[in-house]
Amino acid sequence: MLLAVDAGNTNVVFAVHDGTEWRGRWRVATRDDRTSDEYAVWLLALLQHVGLKPADIDHCVIGTVVPAALYNLRRLSRDWFNVEPLVARATVHWGFEIKVERPQEVGADRLLNALASHTHYKGPLVVIDFGTATTFDVVDKDGSYLGGVIAPGINLSIEALHRAAARLPRIGIGRPQAVIGRDTVAAMQSGVYWGYVGLIEGIVGRIRGEYDAPLKVIATGGLAPLFAEGTTVIERIDQDITLEGLRLLAERNPRPILQKTGSRDAV
């Protein structure tokens, strides 16, 4: 079975695929100082809960945009599952061209989204990922990654608004009943929600104009369903797209040879 690890700026998602289906998905807050043993105590209990053992895991793939987290995630794979993980980076075999000036700078999550979205939905398309940042990634009809747009994430914007303006409270995100807010909280919620709907529609419209061809729009991330309610631009929501990218990447690449210790420094 495959252990897929998607380490983002906010959460680390662990999932197990048995070759046919996902057997479980679990998430924990991202912390740079979380050790491999801490991950193991938490993850092994969850595996046991769905009837799985460490010996059931025979390969592992890691995608991370948090370099500091990679060391202990690798140690987790090596020490607790006895497998060398495949790490998603520009130098592995993706099966498509990365048509940007510096491929090594592209976040693993963006390439994983491109891989899975083209495999399942074909191109050309735009993938919107509502994460810590909101990203828009463009994939052509052949599956090549063309680049995209990075905007501040919704929760980052809310926090910045609260911190920068002394009299503005911290708010939750939701779809307002009206655009015109009748009090401060309603006005802030309207600005954040409809402002992001405008951002989505505006950026997708400009991408379509620059690409000069029809583009499907796929959305992922926890807030994708909420924003899909407010716009017709988003055509499909796929919450598993990054995990699917990890699974597909593992299928396309040979399994790495286990780096045993003395290899605490082998990264």
Protein backbone atom coordinates (compact mmCIF):
# COMPACT_ATOMS: atom_id res chain seq x y z
CA MET A 1 0.00 0.00 0.00
CA LEU A 2 1.01 3.57 -0.66
CA LEU A 3 1.42 6.18 2.05
CA ALA A 4 0.93 9.63 0.50
CA VAL A 5 2.00 12.70 2.48
CA ASP A 6 0.92 16.19 1.45
CA ALA A 7 2.69 18.72 3.68
CA GLY A 8 1.29 22.21 3.26
CA ASN A 9 1.89 25.42 5.16
CA THR A 10 -1.14 24.87 7.40
CA ASN A 11 -1.70 21.09 7.56
CA VAL A 12 0.05 17.82 6.77
CA VAL A 13 -2.32 15.30 5.19
CA PHE A 14 -1.53 11.57 5.35
CA ALA A 15 -3.47 9.10 3.21
CA VAL A 16 -3.21 5.40 2.39
CA HIS A 17 -4.13 3.93 -1.00
CA ASP A 18 -4.47 0.16 -1.41
CA GLY A 19 -4.20 0.14 -5.21
CA THR A 20 -7.94 0.48 -5.65
CA GLU A 21 -9.15 3.12 -3.23
CA TRP A 22 -8.11 5.47 -0.45
CA ARG A 23 -8.37 3.61 2.84
CA GLY A 24 -8.03 6.65 5.06
CA ARG A 25 -7.08 10.33 5.17
CA TRP A 26 -5.87 12.18 8.25
CA ARG A 27 -4.47 15.64 8.89
CA VAL A 28 -2.36 17.29 11.54
CA ALA A 29 -1.25 20.91 11.91
CA THR A 30 2.06 21.67 10.21
CA ARG A 31 4.87 22.30 12.70
CA ASP A 32 8.51 22.59 11.73
CA ASP A 33 9.63 21.07 15.03
CA ARG A 34 7.36 17.99 14.97
CA THR A 35 9.62 14.92 15.10
CA SER A 36 9.29 11.69 13.14
CA ASP A 37 8.44 9.88 16.38
CA GLU A 38 5.62 12.33 17.13
CA TYR A 39 4.20 11.77 13.67
CA ALA A 40 4.50 8.01 14.19
CA VAL A 41 2.64 7.89 17.52
CA TRP A 42 -0.27 9.77 15.99
CA LEU A 43 -0.30 8.05 12.57
CA LEU A 44 0.13 4.47 13.75
CA ALA A 45 -2.88 4.81 16.03
CA LEU A 46 -4.98 6.03 13.11
CA LEU A 47 -3.78 3.22 10.85
CA GLN A 48 -4.73 0.70 13.51
CA HIS A 49 -8.18 2.28 13.71
CA VAL A 50 -8.84 1.29 10.06
CA GLY A 51 -7.24 -2.14 10.42
CA LEU A 52 -3.82 -1.36 8.92
CA LYS A 53 -0.31 -2.12 10.19
CA PRO A 54 3.04 -0.45 9.44
CA ALA A 55 4.05 -3.56 7.47
CA ASP A 56 1.15 -2.92 5.07
CA ILE A 57 2.92 0.21 3.78
CA ASP A 58 5.41 -0.77 1.08
CA HIS A 59 6.01 2.60 -0.57
CA CYS A 60 5.69 6.26 0.29
CA VAL A 61 5.53 9.55 -1.61
CA ILE A 62 5.93 13.01 -0.07
CA GLY A 63 4.97 16.37 -1.48
CA THR A 64 5.83 19.41 0.60
CA VAL A 65 6.05 23.17 0.30
CA VAL A 66 7.64 23.34 3.77
CA PRO A 67 11.33 22.41 3.41
CA ALA A 68 11.84 22.27 7.19
CA ALA A 69 9.22 19.51 7.49
CA LEU A 70 10.84 17.20 4.94
CA TYR A 71 13.62 15.83 7.16
CA ASN A 72 11.28 14.37 9.79
CA LEU A 73 8.76 13.13 7.24
CA ARG A 74 11.57 11.23 5.55
CA ARG A 75 12.65 9.83 8.91
CA LEU A 76 9.07 8.72 9.54
CA SER A 77 9.03 6.76 6.29
CA ARG A 78 12.46 5.21 6.83
CA ASP A 79 12.31 4.42 10.53
CA TRP A 80 8.67 3.41 10.98
CA PHE A 81 7.70 1.94 7.59
CA ASN A 82 11.12 0.81 6.37
CA VAL A 83 10.69 2.44 2.96
CA GLU A 84 12.56 5.24 1.22
CA PRO A 85 10.06 7.92 0.18
CA LEU A 86 9.80 9.41 -3.27
CA VAL A 87 9.89 13.19 -2.89
CA ALA A 88 7.89 15.28 -5.36
CA ARG A 89 10.25 17.79 -6.93
CA ALA A 90 10.96 19.13 -10.40
CA THR A 91 13.70 16.56 -11.06
CA VAL A 92 11.50 13.44 -10.83
CA HIS A 93 9.59 12.03 -13.81
CA TRP A 94 6.31 13.92 -14.14
CA GLY A 95 5.34 12.80 -17.62
CA PHE A 96 4.85 16.39 -18.79
CA GLU A 97 6.94 19.47 -19.48
CA ILE A 98 7.31 22.19 -16.85
CA LYS A 99 7.38 25.25 -19.11
CA VAL A 100 8.56 27.92 -16.68
CA GLU A 101 11.89 29.70 -16.32
CA ARG A 102 12.91 28.00 -13.05
CA PRO A 103 11.08 24.67 -12.64
CA GLN A 104 12.80 24.00 -9.31
CA GLU A 105 10.93 26.96 -7.79
CA VAL A 106 7.44 25.62 -8.55
CA GLY A 107 5.69 24.29 -5.45
CA ALA A 108 5.20 20.53 -5.42
CA ASP A 109 1.49 20.96 -4.73
CA ARG A 110 1.05 22.95 -7.95
CA LEU A 111 2.74 20.29 -10.08
CA LEU A 112 0.78 17.53 -8.34
CA ASN A 113 -2.47 19.38 -9.03
CA ALA A 114 -1.46 19.77 -12.68
CA LEU A 115 -0.66 16.06 -13.01
CA ALA A 116 -3.91 14.82 -11.47
CA SER A 117 -6.18 17.39 -13.12
CA HIS A 118 -4.91 16.63 -16.62
CA THR A 119 -5.07 12.87 -16.01
CA HIS A 120 -8.69 12.99 -14.82
CA TYR A 121 -10.14 15.96 -16.73
CA LYS A 122 -7.78 16.55 -19.69
CA GLY A 123 -6.75 20.01 -20.75
CA PRO A 124 -6.43 22.79 -21.28
CA LEU A 125 -7.51 23.82 -17.80
CA VAL A 126 -6.97 26.01 -14.76
CA VAL A 127 -6.64 24.52 -11.27
CA ILE A 128 -7.58 26.82 -8.38
CA ASP A 129 -6.28 25.67 -5.00
CA PHE A 130 -7.73 27.43 -1.95
CA GLY A 131 -4.92 26.89 0.54
CA THR A 132 -2.74 29.13 2.68
CA ALA A 133 -2.21 30.91 -0.64
CA THR A 134 -4.79 30.84 -3.42
CA THR A 135 -3.10 29.52 -6.54
CA PHE A 136 -4.21 29.38 -10.16
CA ASP A 137 -2.24 26.93 -12.32
CA VAL A 138 -2.54 26.55 -16.07
CA VAL A 139 -2.18 23.22 -17.87
CA ASP A 140 -2.26 22.97 -21.67
CA LYS A 141 -4.01 20.34 -23.78
CA ASP A 142 -0.92 18.11 -23.72
CA GLY A 143 -0.63 18.25 -19.95
CA SER A 144 2.33 20.64 -19.83
CA TYR A 145 2.51 23.00 -16.87
CA LEU A 146 2.54 26.61 -18.10
CA GLY A 147 2.74 28.57 -14.86
CA GLY A 148 0.06 30.50 -13.03
CA VAL A 149 -0.88 33.02 -10.37
CA ILE A 150 -0.30 33.14 -6.60
CA ALA A 151 -2.58 35.32 -4.47
CA PRO A 152 -2.88 35.66 -0.68
CA GLY A 153 -5.13 33.02 0.85
CA ILE A 154 -8.51 33.98 2.29
CA ASN A 155 -7.58 33.36 5.91
CA LEU A 156 -4.33 35.31 5.51
CA SER A 157 -6.32 38.26 4.20
CA ILE A 158 -8.79 38.10 7.07
CA GLU A 159 -5.98 37.99 9.62
CA ALA A 160 -4.15 40.88 7.96
CA LEU A 161 -7.33 42.99 7.98
CA HIS A 162 -7.87 42.30 11.69
CA ARG A 163 -4.28 43.06 12.67
CA ALA A 164 -3.84 46.18 10.57
CA ALA A 165 -7.08 47.92 11.58
CA ALA A 166 -7.45 48.34 15.33
CA ARG A 167 -11.25 48.49 15.37
CA LEU A 168 -11.94 45.64 12.98
CA PRO A 169 -12.66 42.25 14.61
CA ARG A 170 -11.43 38.86 13.51
CA ILE A 171 -14.21 37.27 11.46
CA GLY A 172 -15.08 33.86 10.06
CA ILE A 173 -15.54 33.33 6.35
CA GLY A 174 -18.99 32.66 4.98
CA ARG A 175 -21.27 33.64 2.11
CA PRO A 176 -23.15 36.82 3.10
CA GLN A 177 -26.88 37.11 2.49
CA ALA A 178 -26.37 40.55 0.93
CA VAL A 179 -23.52 42.46 -0.64
CA ILE A 180 -24.27 45.62 1.36
CA GLY A 181 -23.33 44.88 4.96
CA ARG A 182 -25.53 46.49 7.65
CA ASP A 183 -22.89 46.25 10.35
CA THR A 184 -19.11 45.98 10.57
CA VAL A 185 -18.91 42.18 10.59
CA ALA A 186 -21.35 41.83 7.69
CA ALA A 187 -19.46 44.47 5.71
CA MET A 188 -16.15 42.65 6.30
CA GLN A 189 -17.62 39.28 5.38
CA SER A 190 -19.05 40.76 2.19
CA GLY A 191 -15.74 42.37 1.28
CA VAL A 192 -13.79 39.16 1.83
CA TYR A 193 -16.25 36.80 0.17
CA TRP A 194 -17.33 38.87 -2.82
CA GLY A 195 -13.85 40.31 -3.13
CA TYR A 196 -12.49 36.80 -3.59
CA VAL A 197 -15.26 35.89 -6.00
CA GLY A 198 -14.23 38.94 -8.01
CA LEU A 199 -10.60 37.86 -7.79
CA ILE A 200 -11.47 34.35 -9.02
CA GLU A 201 -13.58 35.59 -11.92
CA GLY A 202 -11.12 38.34 -12.83
CA ILE A 203 -8.01 36.17 -12.84
CA VAL A 204 -9.68 33.28 -14.67
CA GLY A 205 -11.04 35.73 -17.24
CA ARG A 206 -7.61 37.24 -17.82
CA ILE A 207 -5.98 33.79 -18.06
CA ARG A 208 -8.57 32.77 -20.65
CA GLY A 209 -7.94 35.97 -22.59
CA GLU A 210 -4.18 35.43 -22.56
CA TYR A 211 -4.43 31.72 -23.40
CA ASP A 212 -6.97 32.50 -26.13
CA ALA A 213 -8.77 29.16 -25.92
CA PRO A 214 -11.49 27.58 -23.76
CA LEU A 215 -10.21 26.39 -20.38
CA LYS A 216 -11.92 24.12 -17.88
CA VAL A 217 -11.74 25.32 -14.27
CA ILE A 218 -11.16 22.79 -11.46
CA ALA A 219 -11.08 23.85 -7.80
CA THR A 220 -9.66 22.16 -4.72
CA GLY A 221 -9.02 23.05 -1.10
CA GLY A 222 -11.29 23.34 1.91
CA LEU A 223 -12.97 26.59 0.81
CA ALA A 224 -13.59 25.50 -2.79
CA PRO A 225 -17.26 24.51 -2.21
CA LEU A 226 -18.01 27.81 -0.46
CA PHE A 227 -16.67 29.94 -3.31
CA ALA A 228 -18.15 27.71 -5.99
CA GLU A 229 -21.55 28.78 -4.61
CA GLY A 230 -20.82 32.37 -5.58
CA THR A 231 -19.58 31.97 -9.15
CA THR A 232 -20.25 29.97 -12.28
CA VAL A 233 -16.56 30.10 -13.25
CA ILE A 234 -15.72 27.01 -11.17
CA GLU A 235 -16.92 23.99 -13.12
CA ARG A 236 -15.82 21.14 -10.86
CA ILE A 237 -14.60 20.61 -7.31
CA ASP A 238 -12.12 17.82 -6.56
CA GLN A 239 -10.89 17.69 -2.97
CA ASP A 240 -8.55 14.73 -3.61
CA ILE A 241 -6.64 16.25 -6.49
CA THR A 242 -3.31 16.76 -4.66
CA LEU A 243 -3.41 13.27 -3.14
CA GLU A 244 -4.25 11.86 -6.56
CA GLY A 245 -1.25 13.69 -7.94
CA LEU A 246 0.95 12.01 -5.34
CA ARG A 247 -0.49 8.59 -6.21
CA LEU A 248 0.05 9.13 -9.93
CA LEU A 249 3.58 10.40 -9.38
CA ALA A 250 4.40 7.27 -7.36
CA GLU A 251 3.12 5.14 -10.25
CA ARG A 252 5.36 6.95 -12.76
CA ASN A 253 8.62 6.68 -10.84
CA PRO A 254 10.70 3.76 -9.58
CA ARG A 255 10.68 3.20 -5.85
CA PRO A 256 13.80 4.72 -4.27
CA ILE A 257 16.31 2.46 -2.52
CA LEU A 258 16.08 2.66 1.26
CA GLN A 259 18.75 4.87 2.82
CA LYS A 260 19.67 3.11 6.06
CA THR A 261 21.49 4.82 8.83
CA GLY A 262 24.22 5.99 9.63
CA SER A 263 22.04 7.91 7.26
CA ARG A 264 20.54 10.37 9.68
CA ASP A 265 22.22 12.93 7.47
CA ALA A 266 20.99 11.34 4.23
CA VAL A 267 18.30 13.64 2.93
